[in-house]
């Protein structure tokens, strides 16, 4: 059983971890990076997922992240606050585990607490003996038949969306060199487009020698944040992340290129598409491949953390117009869903 500042076990299917936010976790104005929070969410999900999948006899395994559903950042978190991350297994299929996570921030000076994030993650258990072998998941007991049926619907929906997302995997973001950036007009896609190159080392990896999903998400958020900051030139924070799909595993020793580009802007938000491509230094015959994809949404803030208008995105060409319209459709769909959820709570 975990105790103290690391966390505590509530049951076999739930866990809470806690950590105080320090300067390394935040941007220059003290807002905790969205990527830091995403990594804590994934850490908690991996712990409870791996623990559950090893409650049966047979091969030992580790829960590998396959997908993160849309995650909203409800309130900002700041340096000095304590993040309490609670994770619970809510559904299991034959080969996957659904983990729902809530993040609560606590001001330890005033005692004020608020829910900052809610997320749903899907894991697949991989054998420690053979990384290509997926272990069967022990079933859980549901509180009702209805909760099991709802879980099954969520499972089928995410499975379908993962298949649809793979169709975009052939798209490429061409890197923009530093000298070339100065030729781009401000507020265009090319002006803010950014990329980061990272060598996957042992500290980034699981027991299998494959990168932690939380490490990848943190790097993706960093690149998306750079794109948003270049566009607005203000303080920016993560507002939400659309589903993050992990298409292929990334092995230790790979070089990954995380690329981000602006796809859509509304009056108060901007959508950034992020790709992660992996290239093995040791297995050159395999070539570069698309490993992860996601859409991040950011907002611009003033010095008092109040929302600022976002400069409109200047579009160049049919492809950028097409991506803008697709982003607008996602924006309107998410807005309608938020309004519907709000009405249900009233």
Protein backbone atom coordinates (compact mmCIF):
# COMPACT_ATOMS: atom_id res chain seq x y z
CA UNK A 1 0.00 0.00 0.00
CA UNK A 2 1.34 3.46 -0.93
CA UNK A 3 1.48 6.06 1.83
CA UNK A 4 2.46 9.65 2.63
CA UNK A 5 3.30 12.20 -0.10
CA UNK A 6 3.59 9.53 -2.78
CA UNK A 7 -0.01 8.40 -2.44
CA UNK A 8 -2.38 5.92 -0.88
CA UNK A 9 -4.30 2.94 -2.12
CA UNK A 10 -8.07 3.15 -1.68
CA UNK A 11 -8.82 -0.30 -3.08
CA UNK A 12 -7.48 -2.59 -5.76
CA UNK A 13 -9.23 -0.40 -8.34
CA UNK A 14 -8.38 3.12 -7.08
CA UNK A 15 -5.35 5.16 -6.04
CA UNK A 16 -4.46 8.73 -5.04
CA UNK A 17 -1.05 10.33 -5.61
CA UNK A 18 0.00 13.80 -4.42
CA UNK A 19 2.83 16.17 -5.28
CA UNK A 20 3.62 19.83 -4.57
CA UNK A 21 4.20 21.99 -7.65
CA UNK A 22 7.64 23.59 -7.93
CA UNK A 23 9.28 26.13 -10.28
CA UNK A 24 10.37 23.38 -12.69
CA UNK A 25 6.70 22.47 -13.22
CA UNK A 26 5.54 25.92 -14.34
CA UNK A 27 6.00 28.63 -16.96
CA UNK A 28 7.60 32.03 -16.35
CA UNK A 29 4.45 33.47 -14.73
CA UNK A 30 3.84 30.53 -12.37
CA UNK A 31 1.15 28.58 -14.24
CA UNK A 32 1.80 24.82 -14.06
CA UNK A 33 2.43 23.37 -17.53
CA UNK A 34 -0.41 21.30 -18.95
CA UNK A 35 2.18 18.68 -19.88
CA UNK A 36 3.24 18.34 -16.23
CA UNK A 37 -0.36 17.62 -15.25
CA UNK A 38 -0.81 15.17 -18.13
CA UNK A 39 2.28 13.28 -17.00
CA UNK A 40 0.96 13.02 -13.41
CA UNK A 41 -2.37 11.78 -14.77
CA UNK A 42 -0.63 9.10 -16.84
CA UNK A 43 1.62 8.04 -13.95
CA UNK A 44 -1.41 7.39 -11.75
CA UNK A 45 -3.22 5.55 -14.54
CA UNK A 46 -0.20 3.37 -15.27
CA UNK A 47 0.17 2.42 -11.57
CA UNK A 48 -3.43 1.34 -11.09
CA UNK A 49 -3.65 -0.30 -14.54
CA UNK A 50 -0.45 -2.31 -14.05
CA UNK A 51 -1.43 -3.29 -10.51
CA UNK A 52 -4.84 -4.58 -11.60
CA UNK A 53 -3.50 -6.55 -14.57
CA UNK A 54 -1.02 -8.35 -12.29
CA UNK A 55 -3.67 -9.58 -9.83
CA UNK A 56 -3.94 -12.83 -11.79
CA UNK A 57 -1.46 -15.69 -12.19
CA UNK A 58 0.65 -16.01 -15.32
CA UNK A 59 2.90 -13.55 -17.17
CA UNK A 60 3.81 -10.36 -15.35
CA UNK A 61 2.91 -7.29 -17.40
CA UNK A 62 2.93 -3.50 -17.53
CA UNK A 63 0.00 -1.32 -18.63
CA UNK A 64 0.92 0.60 -21.79
CA UNK A 65 -1.00 3.77 -22.65
CA UNK A 66 -3.04 3.43 -25.85
CA UNK A 67 -5.29 6.51 -25.78
CA UNK A 68 -6.24 9.56 -23.72
CA UNK A 69 -9.76 10.88 -24.24
CA UNK A 70 -10.50 14.61 -24.45
CA UNK A 71 -9.15 16.30 -21.32
CA UNK A 72 -10.31 19.75 -20.17
CA UNK A 73 -8.20 22.03 -17.99
CA UNK A 74 -10.95 23.53 -15.85
CA UNK A 75 -8.79 25.83 -13.71
CA UNK A 76 -5.09 26.79 -13.73
CA UNK A 77 -2.71 25.36 -11.13
CA UNK A 78 0.15 27.39 -9.64
CA UNK A 79 3.57 26.95 -8.05
CA UNK A 80 3.22 25.99 -4.36
CA UNK A 81 -0.12 24.22 -4.77
CA UNK A 82 -0.47 20.49 -4.15
CA UNK A 83 -1.85 18.32 -6.95
CA UNK A 84 -3.92 15.35 -5.76
CA UNK A 85 -4.44 12.85 -8.58
CA UNK A 86 -7.08 10.14 -8.07
CA UNK A 87 -7.35 7.25 -10.53
CA UNK A 88 -9.98 4.52 -10.71
CA UNK A 89 -10.55 1.59 -13.05
CA UNK A 90 -14.06 1.92 -14.47
CA UNK A 91 -14.19 -0.64 -17.30
CA UNK A 92 -12.26 -3.62 -18.63
CA UNK A 93 -12.51 -5.44 -21.94
CA UNK A 94 -10.62 -8.61 -22.81
CA UNK A 95 -7.43 -6.71 -23.65
CA UNK A 96 -7.85 -3.14 -22.37
CA UNK A 97 -8.44 -1.14 -19.20
CA UNK A 98 -10.31 2.16 -18.84
CA UNK A 99 -9.00 4.43 -16.08
CA UNK A 100 -10.79 7.64 -15.06
CA UNK A 101 -8.67 10.29 -13.37
CA UNK A 102 -9.52 13.48 -11.44
CA UNK A 103 -6.99 16.14 -10.46
CA UNK A 104 -7.62 18.34 -7.41
CA UNK A 105 -5.43 21.35 -6.60
CA UNK A 106 -4.97 22.42 -2.98
CA UNK A 107 -3.66 25.75 -1.73
CA UNK A 108 -1.91 24.61 1.45
CA UNK A 109 -1.83 28.18 2.82
CA UNK A 110 -5.59 28.78 2.64
CA UNK A 111 -6.91 25.21 2.39
CA UNK A 112 -8.85 26.09 -0.79
CA UNK A 113 -9.38 23.15 -3.15
CA UNK A 114 -10.74 22.85 -6.67
CA UNK A 115 -11.01 20.20 -9.38
CA UNK A 116 -8.69 21.21 -12.23
CA UNK A 117 -8.82 18.21 -14.57
CA UNK A 118 -10.86 15.15 -15.48
CA UNK A 119 -9.46 12.55 -17.87
CA UNK A 120 -10.16 9.08 -19.24
CA UNK A 121 -7.26 6.84 -20.31
CA UNK A 122 -7.11 3.45 -22.03
CA UNK A 123 -4.31 0.97 -21.33
CA UNK A 124 -3.23 -2.32 -22.89
CA UNK A 125 -1.25 -4.84 -20.72
CA UNK A 126 1.96 -6.03 -22.38
CA UNK A 127 3.92 -9.07 -21.22
CA UNK A 128 7.33 -8.40 -19.65
CA UNK A 129 8.62 -11.54 -21.39
CA UNK A 130 7.39 -10.61 -24.86
CA UNK A 131 6.53 -6.98 -25.61
CA UNK A 132 4.37 -7.99 -28.59
CA UNK A 133 2.14 -10.22 -26.42
CA UNK A 134 -1.02 -8.61 -25.03
CA UNK A 135 -2.20 -10.13 -21.76
CA UNK A 136 -5.87 -10.77 -21.00
CA UNK A 137 -7.27 -8.32 -18.45
CA UNK A 138 -8.88 -9.61 -15.24
CA UNK A 139 -12.56 -8.58 -15.25
CA UNK A 140 -13.89 -6.16 -12.62
CA UNK A 141 -17.19 -6.22 -10.74
CA UNK A 142 -19.57 -3.43 -11.77
CA UNK A 143 -21.93 -1.61 -9.45
CA UNK A 144 -24.77 -2.22 -11.93
CA UNK A 145 -25.53 -3.66 -15.36
CA UNK A 146 -26.05 -0.09 -16.58
CA UNK A 147 -22.51 0.98 -15.63
CA UNK A 148 -21.11 -2.02 -17.48
CA UNK A 149 -23.15 -1.21 -20.61
CA UNK A 150 -22.06 2.44 -20.51
CA UNK A 151 -18.45 1.31 -20.21
CA UNK A 152 -18.86 -0.97 -23.21
CA UNK A 153 -20.27 1.91 -25.27
CA UNK A 154 -17.26 4.09 -24.33
CA UNK A 155 -14.94 1.24 -25.33
CA UNK A 156 -16.56 0.79 -28.75
CA UNK A 157 -16.59 4.56 -29.39
CA UNK A 158 -12.89 5.04 -28.64
CA UNK A 159 -12.00 1.98 -30.72
CA UNK A 160 -13.82 3.48 -33.73
CA UNK A 161 -12.20 6.89 -33.27
CA UNK A 162 -8.74 5.33 -33.10
CA UNK A 163 -9.31 3.67 -36.48
CA UNK A 164 -10.51 6.97 -38.01
CA UNK A 165 -7.48 8.86 -36.66
CA UNK A 166 -5.06 6.47 -38.38
CA UNK A 167 -6.20 7.88 -41.72
CA UNK A 168 -4.34 11.14 -40.91
CA UNK A 169 -1.07 9.37 -40.14
CA UNK A 170 0.38 10.01 -43.59
CA UNK A 171 0.40 13.80 -43.13
CA UNK A 172 3.76 15.51 -42.68
CA UNK A 173 4.73 18.82 -41.07
CA UNK A 174 7.76 20.18 -42.95
CA UNK A 175 10.24 21.76 -40.50
CA UNK A 176 10.79 25.53 -40.72
CA UNK A 177 14.42 26.66 -40.29
CA UNK A 178 15.28 29.67 -38.12
CA UNK A 179 16.34 31.92 -41.04
CA UNK A 180 13.27 30.88 -43.03
CA UNK A 181 10.93 31.82 -40.17
CA UNK A 182 11.83 35.50 -40.59
CA UNK A 183 10.40 35.41 -44.11
CA UNK A 184 7.01 34.24 -42.84
CA UNK A 185 4.27 36.75 -42.15
CA UNK A 186 3.12 37.00 -38.50
CA UNK A 187 -0.06 35.07 -37.61
CA UNK A 188 0.43 32.57 -40.45
CA UNK A 189 0.78 28.82 -39.89
CA UNK A 190 4.41 28.85 -41.01
CA UNK A 191 5.36 31.68 -38.64
CA UNK A 192 4.35 29.84 -35.45
CA UNK A 193 5.01 26.26 -36.58
CA UNK A 194 7.51 24.56 -34.24
CA UNK A 195 9.31 21.27 -33.67
CA UNK A 196 11.46 19.59 -31.05
CA UNK A 197 13.90 16.68 -31.36
CA UNK A 198 14.47 14.37 -28.38
CA UNK A 199 16.57 11.23 -27.91
CA UNK A 200 14.71 8.61 -25.85
CA UNK A 201 16.88 7.57 -22.91
CA UNK A 202 16.44 5.07 -20.04
CA UNK A 203 14.82 7.66 -17.73
CA UNK A 204 12.04 8.18 -20.32
CA UNK A 205 11.10 4.49 -20.45
CA UNK A 206 9.04 1.76 -18.81
CA UNK A 207 10.31 -1.64 -17.69
CA UNK A 208 9.94 -2.73 -21.32
CA UNK A 209 12.35 -0.10 -22.58
CA UNK A 210 9.57 1.83 -24.33
CA UNK A 211 8.81 5.48 -23.65
CA UNK A 212 6.26 6.40 -20.95
CA UNK A 213 3.08 7.90 -22.41
CA UNK A 214 3.33 10.74 -19.89
CA UNK A 215 6.81 11.71 -21.14
CA UNK A 216 5.51 11.91 -24.71
CA UNK A 217 2.48 14.00 -23.70
CA UNK A 218 4.66 16.44 -21.75
CA UNK A 219 6.88 17.01 -24.80
CA UNK A 220 3.83 17.41 -27.04
CA UNK A 221 2.38 20.04 -24.73
CA UNK A 222 5.71 21.87 -24.72
CA UNK A 223 5.77 22.10 -28.52
CA UNK A 224 2.08 23.11 -28.70
CA UNK A 225 2.77 25.80 -26.09
CA UNK A 226 5.62 27.21 -28.19
CA UNK A 227 3.32 27.39 -31.24
CA UNK A 228 0.64 29.21 -29.21
CA UNK A 229 3.16 31.63 -27.66
CA UNK A 230 4.69 32.46 -31.03
CA UNK A 231 1.24 33.22 -32.41
CA UNK A 232 0.01 35.37 -29.52
CA UNK A 233 3.25 36.60 -27.89
CA UNK A 234 1.46 36.52 -24.50
CA UNK A 235 1.17 34.14 -21.55
CA UNK A 236 -0.65 31.04 -22.78
CA UNK A 237 -2.09 28.01 -20.97
CA UNK A 238 -3.49 24.65 -22.05
CA UNK A 239 -7.30 24.75 -22.12
CA UNK A 240 -7.97 21.21 -23.34
CA UNK A 241 -6.52 18.27 -25.23
CA UNK A 242 -8.56 16.32 -27.73
CA UNK A 243 -8.03 12.57 -27.77
CA UNK A 244 -4.34 11.58 -27.84
CA UNK A 245 -3.84 8.38 -29.83
CA UNK A 246 -0.73 6.24 -29.33
CA UNK A 247 -0.48 4.36 -32.62
CA UNK A 248 2.90 2.65 -32.20
CA UNK A 249 5.39 2.10 -29.39
CA UNK A 250 8.57 4.19 -29.17
CA UNK A 251 11.67 2.27 -28.12
CA UNK A 252 14.66 3.40 -26.06
CA UNK A 253 17.32 4.80 -28.38
CA UNK A 254 14.82 6.27 -30.85
CA UNK A 255 15.01 9.89 -31.91
CA UNK A 256 11.56 11.48 -31.84
CA UNK A 257 10.49 14.62 -33.66
CA UNK A 258 7.52 16.42 -32.12
CA UNK A 259 5.96 18.86 -34.62
CA UNK A 260 3.16 21.34 -34.03
CA UNK A 261 1.16 23.68 -36.25
CA UNK A 262 -1.78 26.01 -35.77
CA UNK A 263 -4.96 24.73 -37.39
CA UNK A 264 -7.76 26.96 -36.08
CA UNK A 265 -8.39 30.11 -34.04
CA UNK A 266 -11.59 31.43 -32.48
CA UNK A 267 -11.93 34.73 -30.64
CA UNK A 268 -10.54 33.26 -27.40
CA UNK A 269 -8.83 29.98 -28.27
CA UNK A 270 -6.45 28.33 -30.72
CA UNK A 271 -6.11 24.72 -31.82
CA UNK A 272 -2.68 23.18 -32.45
CA UNK A 273 -2.17 19.83 -34.18
CA UNK A 274 0.80 17.84 -32.87
CA UNK A 275 2.50 14.82 -34.46
CA UNK A 276 5.19 12.60 -32.94
CA UNK A 277 7.42 10.76 -35.41
CA UNK A 278 9.99 8.18 -34.26
CA UNK A 279 13.19 7.07 -35.94
CA UNK A 280 15.38 4.27 -34.56
CA UNK A 281 19.13 4.92 -34.61
CA UNK A 282 19.89 1.20 -34.29
CA UNK A 283 17.21 -0.28 -36.57
CA UNK A 284 17.59 1.99 -39.58
CA UNK A 285 15.84 -0.47 -41.89
CA UNK A 286 12.53 0.23 -40.16
CA UNK A 287 12.55 3.92 -41.10
CA UNK A 288 10.60 6.80 -39.54
CA UNK A 289 7.02 6.19 -38.42
CA UNK A 290 4.09 8.13 -36.95
CA UNK A 291 3.75 7.21 -33.26
CA UNK A 292 1.32 9.69 -31.65
CA UNK A 293 -1.18 12.35 -32.77
CA UNK A 294 -3.31 14.90 -30.91
CA UNK A 295 -4.97 18.32 -30.97
CA UNK A 296 -4.22 20.80 -28.16
CA UNK A 297 -6.31 23.90 -27.41
CA UNK A 298 -4.73 26.96 -25.78
CA UNK A 299 -5.98 30.30 -24.53
CA UNK A 300 -4.14 33.61 -24.19
CA UNK A 301 -4.00 35.34 -20.77
CA UNK A 302 -3.06 38.80 -19.51
CA UNK A 303 -0.97 39.51 -16.38
CA UNK A 304 -4.05 38.97 -14.17
CA UNK A 305 -4.77 35.59 -15.80
CA UNK A 306 -7.80 37.01 -17.64
CA UNK A 307 -8.52 35.73 -21.17
CA UNK A 308 -7.28 37.86 -24.06
CA UNK A 309 -8.54 37.89 -27.67
CA UNK A 310 -6.57 35.57 -29.96
CA UNK A 311 -5.20 37.09 -33.21
CA UNK A 312 -6.96 35.52 -36.22
CA UNK A 313 -4.98 32.91 -38.14
CA UNK A 314 -3.96 34.05 -41.64
CA UNK A 315 -4.52 31.17 -44.03
CA UNK A 316 -2.39 30.40 -47.08
CA UNK A 317 -3.64 27.81 -49.53
CA UNK A 318 -6.41 25.22 -49.76
CA UNK A 319 -4.84 22.75 -47.31
CA UNK A 320 -4.69 25.32 -44.51
CA UNK A 321 -8.27 26.36 -45.28
CA UNK A 322 -9.37 22.73 -45.12
CA UNK A 323 -7.63 22.16 -41.75
CA UNK A 324 -9.17 25.40 -40.46
CA UNK A 325 -12.69 24.26 -41.36
CA UNK A 326 -12.08 20.86 -39.73
CA UNK A 327 -10.82 22.63 -36.60
CA UNK A 328 -13.86 24.89 -36.60
CA UNK A 329 -16.15 21.85 -36.73
CA UNK A 330 -14.33 20.31 -33.72
CA UNK A 331 -14.58 23.64 -31.88
CA UNK A 332 -18.34 23.95 -32.46
CA UNK A 333 -18.90 20.29 -31.56
CA UNK A 334 -16.99 20.63 -28.27
CA UNK A 335 -18.78 23.91 -27.50
CA UNK A 336 -22.17 22.27 -28.02
CA UNK A 337 -21.16 19.35 -25.80
CA UNK A 338 -20.06 21.70 -23.00
CA UNK A 339 -23.38 23.54 -23.15
CA UNK A 340 -25.31 20.27 -23.11
CA UNK A 341 -23.32 19.00 -20.10
CA UNK A 342 -23.93 22.31 -18.31
CA UNK A 343 -27.69 22.03 -18.85
CA UNK A 344 -27.71 18.45 -17.49
CA UNK A 345 -26.05 19.61 -14.27
CA UNK A 346 -28.62 22.38 -13.69
